[in-house]
N, C-alpha and C. Protein backbone atom coordinates (compact mmCIF):
# COMPACT_ATOMS: atom_id res chain seq x y z
N MET A 1 0.81 -1.18 -0.18
CA MET A 1 -0.01 0.06 -0.62
C MET A 1 0.99 1.00 0.00
N ALA A 2 0.48 2.16 -0.83
CA ALA A 2 1.16 3.24 -0.89
C ALA A 2 0.95 4.39 -0.31
N VAL A 3 2.27 4.84 0.65
CA VAL A 3 2.05 6.19 1.76
C VAL A 3 1.07 7.22 0.69
N ILE A 4 0.07 7.51 0.93
CA ILE A 4 -1.15 9.13 1.00
C ILE A 4 -0.46 9.84 0.62
N SER A 5 1.11 10.23 1.54
CA SER A 5 1.87 11.58 0.52
C SER A 5 2.66 11.41 -0.08
N GLU A 6 2.89 9.81 -0.63
CA GLU A 6 4.01 9.95 -1.79
C GLU A 6 3.08 9.90 -2.90
N GLN A 7 1.76 9.70 -3.29
CA GLN A 7 0.73 9.56 -3.65
C GLN A 7 0.50 10.80 -4.76
N GLU A 8 1.10 10.57 -6.46
CA GLU A 8 0.82 11.72 -7.10
C GLU A 8 -0.11 11.64 -8.66
N THR A 9 -0.23 12.71 -8.73
CA THR A 9 -0.84 12.89 -9.98
C THR A 9 -0.07 14.24 -11.12
N VAL A 10 -0.31 13.68 -12.27
CA VAL A 10 1.55 14.32 -12.98
C VAL A 10 0.26 14.63 -14.42
N ILE A 11 0.27 15.96 -15.09
CA ILE A 11 -0.42 16.10 -16.13
C ILE A 11 0.34 16.42 -17.52
N GLN A 12 0.55 16.03 -17.76
CA GLN A 12 1.65 16.54 -18.93
C GLN A 12 0.76 16.40 -20.64
N PHE A 13 1.70 17.23 -21.49
CA PHE A 13 0.82 17.84 -22.68
C PHE A 13 1.65 18.71 -23.39
N SER A 14 2.54 18.30 -25.02
CA SER A 14 2.65 19.14 -25.61
C SER A 14 1.85 20.54 -26.20
N ARG A 15 2.58 21.81 -26.56
CA ARG A 15 1.61 22.57 -26.86
C ARG A 15 0.94 22.49 -28.50
N ASP A 16 1.36 21.53 -29.08
CA ASP A 16 1.16 21.70 -30.03
C ASP A 16 0.01 20.56 -30.06
N GLY A 17 0.29 19.71 -29.55
CA GLY A 17 -0.46 18.14 -28.94
C GLY A 17 -2.17 18.39 -28.52
N GLU A 18 -2.79 17.27 -29.16
CA GLU A 18 -4.54 17.39 -28.69
C GLU A 18 -4.63 16.68 -27.36
N THR A 19 -4.00 16.27 -27.05
CA THR A 19 -3.88 14.89 -26.02
C THR A 19 -3.22 15.55 -24.66
N MET A 20 -3.61 15.25 -23.88
CA MET A 20 -2.79 15.20 -22.44
C MET A 20 -2.63 13.79 -21.95
N ASN A 21 -1.63 13.40 -21.36
CA ASN A 21 -1.29 12.36 -20.43
C ASN A 21 -1.45 12.46 -19.12
N ILE A 22 -2.27 11.41 -18.61
CA ILE A 22 -2.20 12.14 -16.49
C ILE A 22 -1.82 11.03 -16.15
N TYR A 23 -0.98 10.84 -15.63
CA TYR A 23 -0.49 9.48 -15.07
C TYR A 23 -0.85 10.20 -12.98
N THR A 24 -1.76 8.96 -12.91
CA THR A 24 -1.92 9.30 -10.97
C THR A 24 -1.35 8.08 -10.59
N SER A 25 -0.91 7.96 -9.46
CA SER A 25 -0.84 6.74 -8.62
C SER A 25 -2.38 7.02 -7.42
N ASP A 26 -2.03 8.47 -6.89
CA ASP A 26 -3.47 8.52 -6.12
C ASP A 26 -4.49 7.67 -6.67
N SER A 27 -4.87 7.24 -5.63
CA SER A 27 -6.05 5.98 -5.42
C SER A 27 -7.91 7.03 -6.02
N THR A 28 -7.73 7.67 -5.05
CA THR A 28 -9.04 8.59 -5.33
C THR A 28 -8.88 9.11 -6.28
N VAL A 29 -8.03 9.96 -7.16
CA VAL A 29 -7.80 10.26 -8.33
C VAL A 29 -8.40 9.11 -9.24
N MET A 30 -7.29 8.10 -9.32
CA MET A 30 -8.19 6.84 -9.86
C MET A 30 -9.38 6.57 -10.39
N THR A 31 -9.80 6.56 -9.01
CA THR A 31 -11.33 6.06 -8.99
C THR A 31 -11.85 7.42 -10.20
N LYS A 32 -12.30 8.80 -9.85
CA LYS A 32 -12.50 9.43 -9.87
C LYS A 32 -11.97 9.74 -11.48
N LEU A 33 -11.23 8.91 -11.94
CA LEU A 33 -10.69 9.31 -13.76
C LEU A 33 -11.44 7.96 -14.14
N ASP A 34 -11.57 7.08 -13.48
CA ASP A 34 -11.97 5.56 -14.47
C ASP A 34 -13.68 6.01 -14.73
N LYS A 35 -14.05 6.67 -13.72
CA LYS A 35 -15.64 6.97 -14.05
C LYS A 35 -15.77 7.76 -15.23
N ILE A 36 -14.68 8.54 -16.18
CA ILE A 36 -14.71 8.71 -17.22
C ILE A 36 -14.18 8.51 -18.71
N TYR A 37 -13.04 7.93 -17.81
CA TYR A 37 -12.07 7.80 -19.32
C TYR A 37 -11.28 6.07 -19.16
N LYS A 38 -10.77 5.96 -19.96
CA LYS A 38 -10.20 4.77 -20.36
C LYS A 38 -9.27 4.43 -19.88
N ARG A 39 -8.37 3.43 -19.41
CA ARG A 39 -7.00 3.41 -18.78
C ARG A 39 -5.98 3.37 -20.47
N LYS A 40 -5.35 4.13 -20.40
CA LYS A 40 -4.14 3.96 -21.49
C LYS A 40 -2.84 2.85 -21.11
N ARG A 41 -2.41 2.52 -19.95
CA ARG A 41 -1.56 2.01 -19.16
C ARG A 41 -1.75 1.88 -17.79
N GLU A 42 -1.41 0.54 -17.41
CA GLU A 42 -1.16 0.23 -16.12
C GLU A 42 0.10 -0.01 -15.76
N HIS A 43 0.55 0.70 -14.39
CA HIS A 43 2.20 0.07 -13.90
C HIS A 43 1.74 -0.39 -12.97
N ILE A 44 2.18 -1.94 -12.85
CA ILE A 44 1.98 -3.34 -11.92
C ILE A 44 3.32 -3.26 -11.40
N ALA A 45 3.99 -3.25 -9.83
CA ALA A 45 4.93 -4.25 -9.36
C ALA A 45 4.33 -5.23 -7.97
N ASP A 46 4.63 -6.26 -8.24
CA ASP A 46 4.01 -7.14 -7.23
C ASP A 46 2.43 -7.48 -7.44
N GLY A 47 2.35 -7.55 -8.51
CA GLY A 47 1.21 -8.07 -9.05
C GLY A 47 -0.17 -6.76 -7.88
N GLN A 48 0.43 -5.92 -7.95
CA GLN A 48 -0.26 -4.80 -7.53
C GLN A 48 -0.48 -3.28 -8.76
N ILE A 49 -1.35 -3.42 -9.31
CA ILE A 49 -1.60 -1.61 -9.82
C ILE A 49 -1.07 -0.70 -8.85
N TYR A 50 0.11 0.29 -9.69
CA TYR A 50 0.28 1.44 -8.12
C TYR A 50 -0.06 2.57 -9.24
N ALA A 51 -0.13 2.41 -10.57
CA ALA A 51 -0.31 3.53 -10.96
C ALA A 51 -0.85 3.60 -12.29
N VAL A 52 -1.63 4.32 -12.89
CA VAL A 52 -2.40 4.36 -14.12
C VAL A 52 -1.90 5.69 -15.16
N GLU A 53 -2.69 5.43 -16.19
CA GLU A 53 -2.12 6.88 -17.34
C GLU A 53 -3.05 6.58 -18.39
N TYR A 54 -3.80 7.93 -18.49
CA TYR A 54 -4.92 7.89 -18.85
C TYR A 54 -4.49 9.25 -20.57
N ASP A 55 -4.93 9.37 -21.98
CA ASP A 55 -4.74 10.09 -22.61
C ASP A 55 -5.98 10.55 -22.58
N VAL A 56 -6.35 12.10 -22.40
CA VAL A 56 -7.39 13.08 -22.56
C VAL A 56 -7.20 14.00 -23.33
N ASP A 57 -8.76 14.24 -23.98
CA ASP A 57 -8.11 15.84 -24.89
C ASP A 57 -7.91 16.68 -23.83
N LYS A 58 -7.09 17.49 -24.35
CA LYS A 58 -6.08 18.35 -24.00
C LYS A 58 -7.05 19.50 -23.88
N ARG A 59 -8.32 19.90 -24.48
CA ARG A 59 -9.43 20.66 -24.12
C ARG A 59 -9.73 20.70 -23.27
N LEU A 60 -9.96 19.98 -22.57
CA LEU A 60 -10.65 19.70 -21.55
C LEU A 60 -10.18 19.96 -20.09
N LEU A 61 -9.07 20.66 -19.89
CA LEU A 61 -7.86 21.23 -18.88
C LEU A 61 -8.07 22.53 -19.12
N SER A 62 -8.38 23.15 -17.52
CA SER A 62 -9.19 24.00 -17.69
C SER A 62 -8.43 24.43 -16.26
N PHE A 63 -8.13 25.98 -16.37
CA PHE A 63 -7.53 26.91 -14.87
C PHE A 63 -8.24 28.07 -14.98
N ARG A 64 -8.99 27.54 -13.64
CA ARG A 64 -10.18 29.00 -13.25
C ARG A 64 -9.07 30.03 -12.06
N SER A 65 -9.62 31.47 -12.29
CA SER A 65 -9.09 32.10 -11.28
C SER A 65 -9.38 32.52 -10.16
N LYS A 66 -10.39 31.52 -9.60
CA LYS A 66 -10.69 31.94 -8.66
C LYS A 66 -11.85 30.69 -8.44
N ARG A 67 -12.06 30.26 -7.13
CA ARG A 67 -13.32 29.63 -7.17
C ARG A 67 -14.80 30.37 -6.64
N THR A 68 -15.39 29.54 -7.40
CA THR A 68 -16.97 30.19 -7.24
C THR A 68 -18.21 29.31 -6.68
N ARG A 69 -19.20 30.16 -5.35
CA ARG A 69 -19.72 29.75 -5.02
C ARG A 69 -21.44 29.91 -5.53
N ARG A 70 -22.02 28.62 -5.98
CA ARG A 70 -23.14 29.38 -5.78
C ARG A 70 -24.82 29.40 -4.74
N THR A 71 -25.00 30.14 -5.11
CA THR A 71 -25.96 30.86 -3.84
C THR A 71 -27.69 30.22 -4.38
N LEU A 72 -28.72 29.14 -3.44
CA LEU A 72 -29.41 28.85 -4.43
C LEU A 72 -30.19 29.72 -3.68
N THR A 73 -31.79 29.83 -3.74
CA THR A 73 -32.78 30.36 -2.30
C THR A 73 -33.50 29.14 -1.94
N ASP A 74 -34.44 29.15 -1.45
CA ASP A 74 -34.58 28.34 -0.77
C ASP A 74 -35.91 26.75 -1.87
N GLU A 75 -36.49 28.02 -2.59
CA GLU A 75 -37.15 27.51 -3.49
C GLU A 75 -36.08 25.99 -5.19
N GLN A 76 -34.90 27.03 -5.22
CA GLN A 76 -34.12 26.26 -5.94
C GLN A 76 -33.12 24.94 -4.95
N LYS A 77 -32.79 25.53 -3.29
CA LYS A 77 -32.81 23.88 -3.15
C LYS A 77 -33.57 23.23 -3.16
N LYS A 78 -35.09 22.92 -2.57
CA LYS A 78 -35.68 22.32 -2.65
C LYS A 78 -36.53 21.33 -3.95
N ALA A 79 -35.87 22.10 -5.45
CA ALA A 79 -36.16 21.83 -6.43
C ALA A 79 -35.02 20.87 -6.38
N ALA A 80 -33.89 21.04 -6.60
CA ALA A 80 -32.37 20.54 -6.70
C ALA A 80 -32.86 18.67 -6.32
N ALA A 81 -33.07 19.52 -4.81
CA ALA A 81 -33.64 18.06 -3.68
C ALA A 81 -34.64 17.39 -4.17
N GLU A 82 -35.44 17.64 -4.84
CA GLU A 82 -36.25 16.61 -5.29
C GLU A 82 -35.98 16.21 -6.57
N ARG A 83 -35.29 16.94 -7.43
CA ARG A 83 -34.82 16.06 -8.77
C ARG A 83 -33.61 14.92 -8.25
N LEU A 84 -33.11 15.55 -7.25
CA LEU A 84 -31.78 13.92 -7.03
C LEU A 84 -32.69 12.60 -6.49
N LYS A 85 -33.36 13.31 -5.65
CA LYS A 85 -34.80 12.11 -5.45
C LYS A 85 -35.19 11.09 -6.05
N ALA A 86 -35.63 11.69 -7.29
CA ALA A 86 -36.14 10.87 -8.12
C ALA A 86 -35.10 10.54 -8.84
N ILE A 87 -33.81 10.80 -8.93
CA ILE A 87 -32.95 10.29 -9.69
C ILE A 87 -32.35 9.06 -8.89
N ASN A 88 -32.52 8.93 -7.83
CA ASN A 88 -31.90 7.58 -7.17
C ASN A 88 -32.78 7.08 -6.97
N GLY A 89 -34.02 7.41 -7.28
CA GLY A 89 -35.57 6.29 -7.17
C GLY A 89 -35.44 5.97 -9.04
N ARG A 90 -35.64 6.39 -9.75
CA ARG A 90 -34.69 5.51 -11.01
C ARG A 90 -33.94 4.72 -11.15
N ALA A 91 -32.53 4.96 -9.94
CA ALA A 91 -31.05 4.54 -10.18
C ALA A 91 -32.10 2.97 -9.42
N ARG A 92 -32.50 2.98 -7.80
CA ARG A 92 -32.92 1.74 -7.22
C ARG A 92 -33.95 0.79 -8.14
N HIS A 93 -34.33 1.43 -9.59
CA HIS A 93 -35.56 0.61 -10.17
C HIS A 93 -35.13 -0.14 -11.20
N SER A 94 -33.72 0.31 -11.30
CA SER A 94 -32.90 -0.19 -12.66
C SER A 94 -32.61 -1.85 -12.20
């Protein structure tokens, strides 16, 4: 098992390329990326996957100038909660 402080994620791309390579040994990041992208390469030692690489469209990378928080009215919060309940109800019956 890797030490959490030693887990890393590296994003690498060329200026003129169309894709970026994401290398990660962070299990939390792997879980998130596995839900979205197909693995390009797995790095294995002692029969265990210790890192994974993904090739992703470079245009999906975003650098934001600041974090924003949504401010919802009580009505918007209620509508969002109802949408979430409906989605969860459909998922259970599938």
